[in-house]
Amino acid sequence: MKPRITIVVYKPLEGKESTLLHLVTNHHHRLLQENLVTSRKPIICQAKDNSLVEIFEWQSEEAIHAAHANPAVLAMWKEFGEACTYMPIADIYESNNMFSDFTPVN
């Protein structure tokens, strides 16, 4: 089982910026409690459009699939759904640059 690195972009819904920030900064810890991610510290940063970018490491591809049946994770994803939309990394302005740079959050 090989770990998997994921890059996810969260675009906050209007008025949900602080809620989203709280969710993202606690995301890894909550997944760690479910034994789905590694202990590698995630990178959280902000794009120019205020979207948050998170880079984190799942334990394995199997862990990713297990998350989709985990009640705690499903409840957490519902919270995310009320605070943001998800975007492909290619839709972030910074991804068009040879060297994409972002504002660090953590």
N, C-alpha and C. Protein backbone atom coordinates (compact mmCIF):
# COMPACT_ATOMS: atom_id res chain seq x y z
N MET A 1 0.84 -1.19 0.00
CA MET A 1 0.00 0.00 0.00
C MET A 1 0.89 1.25 0.00
N LYS A 2 0.75 2.03 -1.03
CA LYS A 2 1.54 3.24 -1.16
C LYS A 2 0.70 4.46 -0.78
N PRO A 3 1.30 5.40 -0.06
CA PRO A 3 0.58 6.65 0.25
C PRO A 3 0.24 7.40 -1.04
N ARG A 4 -0.77 8.25 -0.96
CA ARG A 4 -1.22 9.05 -2.09
C ARG A 4 -1.29 10.51 -1.67
N ILE A 5 -0.65 11.39 -2.44
CA ILE A 5 -0.70 12.83 -2.19
C ILE A 5 -1.90 13.41 -2.93
N THR A 6 -2.67 14.22 -2.24
CA THR A 6 -3.83 14.87 -2.85
C THR A 6 -3.69 16.38 -2.72
N ILE A 7 -4.05 17.07 -3.80
CA ILE A 7 -4.14 18.53 -3.79
C ILE A 7 -5.61 18.85 -4.01
N VAL A 8 -6.18 19.60 -3.08
CA VAL A 8 -7.60 19.96 -3.20
C VAL A 8 -7.74 21.47 -3.06
N VAL A 9 -8.67 22.03 -3.84
CA VAL A 9 -8.94 23.46 -3.81
C VAL A 9 -10.37 23.66 -3.32
N TYR A 10 -10.49 24.47 -2.27
CA TYR A 10 -11.78 24.80 -1.69
C TYR A 10 -12.09 26.27 -1.97
N LYS A 11 -13.16 26.55 -2.69
CA LYS A 11 -13.57 27.93 -2.94
C LYS A 11 -14.69 28.26 -1.95
N PRO A 12 -14.45 29.21 -1.05
CA PRO A 12 -15.46 29.49 -0.01
C PRO A 12 -16.74 30.08 -0.61
N LEU A 13 -17.85 29.66 -0.05
CA LEU A 13 -19.12 30.28 -0.40
C LEU A 13 -19.16 31.65 0.28
N GLU A 14 -19.94 32.55 -0.27
CA GLU A 14 -20.01 33.91 0.27
C GLU A 14 -20.39 33.88 1.75
N GLY A 15 -19.58 34.56 2.55
CA GLY A 15 -19.82 34.64 3.99
C GLY A 15 -19.34 33.43 4.78
N LYS A 16 -18.75 32.46 4.11
CA LYS A 16 -18.32 31.21 4.78
C LYS A 16 -16.79 31.09 4.89
N GLU A 17 -16.09 32.19 4.66
CA GLU A 17 -14.63 32.14 4.65
C GLU A 17 -14.05 31.64 5.97
N SER A 18 -14.52 32.17 7.09
CA SER A 18 -13.95 31.75 8.38
C SER A 18 -14.35 30.32 8.73
N THR A 19 -15.56 29.93 8.37
CA THR A 19 -16.01 28.55 8.60
C THR A 19 -15.12 27.59 7.80
N LEU A 20 -14.88 27.94 6.55
CA LEU A 20 -14.05 27.09 5.71
C LEU A 20 -12.63 27.00 6.25
N LEU A 21 -12.08 28.11 6.65
CA LEU A 21 -10.72 28.10 7.21
C LEU A 21 -10.64 27.15 8.40
N HIS A 22 -11.63 27.21 9.28
CA HIS A 22 -11.67 26.31 10.44
C HIS A 22 -11.74 24.85 9.99
N LEU A 23 -12.59 24.57 9.03
CA LEU A 23 -12.73 23.19 8.54
C LEU A 23 -11.43 22.67 7.93
N VAL A 24 -10.81 23.50 7.11
CA VAL A 24 -9.58 23.06 6.42
C VAL A 24 -8.45 22.86 7.42
N THR A 25 -8.32 23.76 8.38
CA THR A 25 -7.21 23.63 9.34
C THR A 25 -7.41 22.43 10.28
N ASN A 26 -8.63 21.91 10.37
CA ASN A 26 -8.89 20.74 11.20
C ASN A 26 -9.09 19.46 10.39
N HIS A 27 -9.11 19.57 9.08
CA HIS A 27 -9.38 18.45 8.19
C HIS A 27 -8.44 17.28 8.42
N HIS A 28 -7.15 17.55 8.38
CA HIS A 28 -6.16 16.48 8.52
C HIS A 28 -6.30 15.76 9.86
N HIS A 29 -6.46 16.51 10.93
CA HIS A 29 -6.61 15.91 12.25
C HIS A 29 -7.81 14.97 12.30
N ARG A 30 -8.89 15.39 11.70
CA ARG A 30 -10.09 14.56 11.70
C ARG A 30 -9.89 13.28 10.88
N LEU A 31 -9.20 13.39 9.76
CA LEU A 31 -8.89 12.20 8.97
C LEU A 31 -7.89 11.30 9.69
N LEU A 32 -6.96 11.91 10.40
CA LEU A 32 -5.98 11.15 11.18
C LEU A 32 -6.67 10.34 12.28
N GLN A 33 -7.68 10.92 12.90
CA GLN A 33 -8.43 10.20 13.93
C GLN A 33 -9.11 8.95 13.36
N GLU A 34 -9.42 8.99 12.08
CA GLU A 34 -10.06 7.84 11.42
C GLU A 34 -9.04 6.89 10.79
N ASN A 35 -7.74 7.18 11.02
CA ASN A 35 -6.64 6.35 10.52
C ASN A 35 -6.63 6.26 8.99
N LEU A 36 -6.91 7.39 8.33
CA LEU A 36 -6.98 7.42 6.87
C LEU A 36 -5.81 8.16 6.22
N VAL A 37 -5.14 9.03 6.97
CA VAL A 37 -4.03 9.80 6.43
C VAL A 37 -2.76 9.49 7.21
N THR A 38 -1.64 9.88 6.63
CA THR A 38 -0.37 9.70 7.33
C THR A 38 -0.17 10.86 8.29
N SER A 39 0.87 10.79 9.07
CA SER A 39 1.17 11.86 10.02
C SER A 39 1.90 13.04 9.36
N ARG A 40 2.18 12.94 8.05
CA ARG A 40 2.83 14.05 7.35
C ARG A 40 1.95 15.29 7.46
N LYS A 41 2.54 16.38 7.92
CA LYS A 41 1.80 17.62 8.12
C LYS A 41 1.31 18.17 6.77
N PRO A 42 0.03 18.51 6.67
CA PRO A 42 -0.48 19.06 5.40
C PRO A 42 0.04 20.48 5.18
N ILE A 43 0.02 20.89 3.94
CA ILE A 43 0.30 22.27 3.57
C ILE A 43 -1.03 22.92 3.22
N ILE A 44 -1.30 24.04 3.84
CA ILE A 44 -2.53 24.79 3.55
C ILE A 44 -2.10 26.19 3.14
N CYS A 45 -2.62 26.63 2.00
CA CYS A 45 -2.27 27.96 1.51
C CYS A 45 -3.48 28.60 0.84
N GLN A 46 -3.34 29.88 0.54
CA GLN A 46 -4.45 30.64 -0.02
C GLN A 46 -4.06 31.19 -1.38
N ALA A 47 -4.99 31.07 -2.33
CA ALA A 47 -4.80 31.63 -3.66
C ALA A 47 -5.27 33.08 -3.68
N LYS A 48 -4.95 33.77 -4.76
CA LYS A 48 -5.33 35.18 -4.88
C LYS A 48 -6.84 35.39 -4.84
N ASP A 49 -7.62 34.39 -5.26
CA ASP A 49 -9.08 34.53 -5.25
C ASP A 49 -9.70 34.10 -3.91
N ASN A 50 -8.84 33.92 -2.89
CA ASN A 50 -9.24 33.52 -1.53
C ASN A 50 -9.59 32.04 -1.40
N SER A 51 -9.44 31.27 -2.47
CA SER A 51 -9.61 29.83 -2.35
C SER A 51 -8.49 29.28 -1.47
N LEU A 52 -8.78 28.21 -0.77
CA LEU A 52 -7.77 27.54 0.05
C LEU A 52 -7.32 26.28 -0.68
N VAL A 53 -6.03 26.06 -0.66
CA VAL A 53 -5.42 24.89 -1.29
C VAL A 53 -4.82 24.04 -0.17
N GLU A 54 -5.16 22.76 -0.16
CA GLU A 54 -4.61 21.85 0.83
C GLU A 54 -3.90 20.70 0.12
N ILE A 55 -2.70 20.40 0.59
CA ILE A 55 -1.93 19.28 0.07
C ILE A 55 -1.69 18.34 1.25
N PHE A 56 -2.19 17.12 1.12
CA PHE A 56 -2.06 16.18 2.24
C PHE A 56 -1.86 14.77 1.71
N GLU A 57 -1.54 13.85 2.62
CA GLU A 57 -1.19 12.50 2.23
C GLU A 57 -2.12 11.46 2.84
N TRP A 58 -2.86 10.76 1.98
CA TRP A 58 -3.66 9.61 2.41
C TRP A 58 -2.72 8.44 2.69
N GLN A 59 -3.15 7.53 3.55
CA GLN A 59 -2.33 6.34 3.82
C GLN A 59 -2.17 5.47 2.58
N SER A 60 -3.23 5.40 1.77
CA SER A 60 -3.20 4.54 0.59
C SER A 60 -4.43 4.84 -0.26
N GLU A 61 -4.44 4.24 -1.43
CA GLU A 61 -5.63 4.35 -2.28
C GLU A 61 -6.82 3.68 -1.59
N GLU A 62 -6.55 2.62 -0.86
CA GLU A 62 -7.63 1.94 -0.12
C GLU A 62 -8.22 2.85 0.94
N ALA A 63 -7.39 3.66 1.57
CA ALA A 63 -7.88 4.62 2.58
C ALA A 63 -8.80 5.65 1.95
N ILE A 64 -8.47 6.08 0.74
CA ILE A 64 -9.33 7.03 0.03
C ILE A 64 -10.71 6.41 -0.18
N HIS A 65 -10.72 5.16 -0.64
CA HIS A 65 -11.99 4.48 -0.86
C HIS A 65 -12.75 4.26 0.45
N ALA A 66 -12.02 3.92 1.51
CA ALA A 66 -12.65 3.71 2.82
C ALA A 66 -13.30 4.99 3.33
N ALA A 67 -12.72 6.14 3.01
CA ALA A 67 -13.28 7.42 3.46
C ALA A 67 -14.71 7.60 2.95
N HIS A 68 -14.98 7.08 1.78
CA HIS A 68 -16.31 7.25 1.15
C HIS A 68 -17.40 6.42 1.84
N ALA A 69 -17.02 5.57 2.78
CA ALA A 69 -17.99 4.78 3.53
C ALA A 69 -17.90 5.06 5.03
N ASN A 70 -17.07 6.02 5.42
CA ASN A 70 -16.84 6.31 6.83
C ASN A 70 -17.83 7.39 7.29
N PRO A 71 -18.71 7.07 8.27
CA PRO A 71 -19.72 8.03 8.71
C PRO A 71 -19.13 9.36 9.20
N ALA A 72 -18.01 9.33 9.92
CA ALA A 72 -17.41 10.57 10.42
C ALA A 72 -16.90 11.43 9.26
N VAL A 73 -16.33 10.80 8.27
CA VAL A 73 -15.81 11.54 7.10
C VAL A 73 -16.98 12.08 6.28
N LEU A 74 -18.00 11.28 6.09
CA LEU A 74 -19.16 11.75 5.33
C LEU A 74 -19.81 12.96 6.01
N ALA A 75 -19.89 12.94 7.33
CA ALA A 75 -20.44 14.08 8.07
C ALA A 75 -19.55 15.31 7.90
N MET A 76 -18.23 15.11 7.93
CA MET A 76 -17.31 16.22 7.74
C MET A 76 -17.45 16.79 6.33
N TRP A 77 -17.55 15.92 5.34
CA TRP A 77 -17.69 16.39 3.96
C TRP A 77 -19.00 17.17 3.78
N LYS A 78 -20.02 16.82 4.53
CA LYS A 78 -21.27 17.58 4.49
C LYS A 78 -21.02 19.01 4.99
N GLU A 79 -20.25 19.14 6.06
CA GLU A 79 -19.88 20.47 6.57
C GLU A 79 -19.13 21.27 5.51
N PHE A 80 -18.20 20.61 4.83
CA PHE A 80 -17.46 21.29 3.76
C PHE A 80 -18.42 21.74 2.66
N GLY A 81 -19.38 20.89 2.32
CA GLY A 81 -20.34 21.22 1.27
C GLY A 81 -21.18 22.44 1.58
N GLU A 82 -21.34 22.73 2.86
CA GLU A 82 -22.11 23.91 3.28
C GLU A 82 -21.25 25.17 3.32
N ALA A 83 -19.94 25.02 3.17
CA ALA A 83 -19.02 26.16 3.27
C ALA A 83 -18.24 26.46 2.00
N CYS A 84 -18.24 25.52 1.04
CA CYS A 84 -17.39 25.74 -0.14
C CYS A 84 -17.87 24.93 -1.32
N THR A 85 -17.25 25.22 -2.45
CA THR A 85 -17.31 24.35 -3.61
C THR A 85 -15.88 23.89 -3.86
N TYR A 86 -15.74 22.80 -4.58
CA TYR A 86 -14.42 22.26 -4.90
C TYR A 86 -14.08 22.66 -6.33
N MET A 87 -12.81 22.92 -6.56
CA MET A 87 -12.36 23.33 -7.88
C MET A 87 -11.13 22.52 -8.29
N PRO A 88 -10.96 22.27 -9.57
CA PRO A 88 -9.70 21.66 -10.02
C PRO A 88 -8.56 22.65 -9.82
N ILE A 89 -7.40 22.14 -9.51
CA ILE A 89 -6.24 23.01 -9.30
C ILE A 89 -5.96 23.84 -10.56
N ALA A 90 -6.30 23.31 -11.73
CA ALA A 90 -6.07 24.04 -12.99
C ALA A 90 -6.90 25.31 -13.09
N ASP A 91 -7.97 25.42 -12.30
CA ASP A 91 -8.83 26.61 -12.34
C ASP A 91 -8.31 27.75 -11.47
N ILE A 92 -7.25 27.51 -10.73
CA ILE A 92 -6.66 28.56 -9.89
C ILE A 92 -5.66 29.34 -10.73
N TYR A 93 -5.73 30.64 -10.67
CA TYR A 93 -4.86 31.52 -11.45
C TYR A 93 -3.39 31.11 -11.33
N GLU A 94 -2.97 30.83 -10.12
CA GLU A 94 -1.55 30.53 -9.86
C GLU A 94 -1.06 29.30 -10.62
N SER A 95 -1.96 28.39 -10.96
CA SER A 95 -1.54 27.16 -11.64
C SER A 95 -1.07 27.41 -13.07
N ASN A 96 -1.33 28.59 -13.60
CA ASN A 96 -0.89 28.93 -14.95
C ASN A 96 0.57 29.36 -15.01
N ASN A 97 1.19 29.54 -13.86
CA ASN A 97 2.58 29.97 -13.80
C ASN A 97 3.51 28.77 -13.73
N MET A 98 4.70 28.92 -14.27
CA MET A 98 5.68 27.85 -14.21
C MET A 98 5.96 27.46 -12.75
N PHE A 99 6.03 28.46 -11.88
CA PHE A 99 6.24 28.24 -10.46
C PHE A 99 5.06 28.88 -9.74
N SER A 100 4.12 28.06 -9.31
CA SER A 100 2.92 28.57 -8.64
C SER A 100 3.23 28.89 -7.20
N ASP A 101 2.94 30.12 -6.79
CA ASP A 101 3.17 30.45 -5.38
C ASP A 101 1.88 30.95 -4.75
N PHE A 102 1.74 30.65 -3.46
CA PHE A 102 0.53 30.93 -2.71
C PHE A 102 0.92 31.55 -1.37
N THR A 103 -0.07 32.12 -0.69
CA THR A 103 0.13 32.65 0.65
C THR A 103 -0.04 31.54 1.66
N PRO A 104 0.96 31.29 2.51
CA PRO A 104 0.82 30.21 3.50
C PRO A 104 -0.25 30.53 4.53
N VAL A 105 -0.98 29.51 4.95
CA VAL A 105 -1.99 29.64 6.01
C VAL A 105 -1.49 28.98 7.28
N ASN A 106 -0.80 27.85 7.14
CA ASN A 106 -0.29 27.14 8.33
C ASN A 106 1.22 27.06 8.33
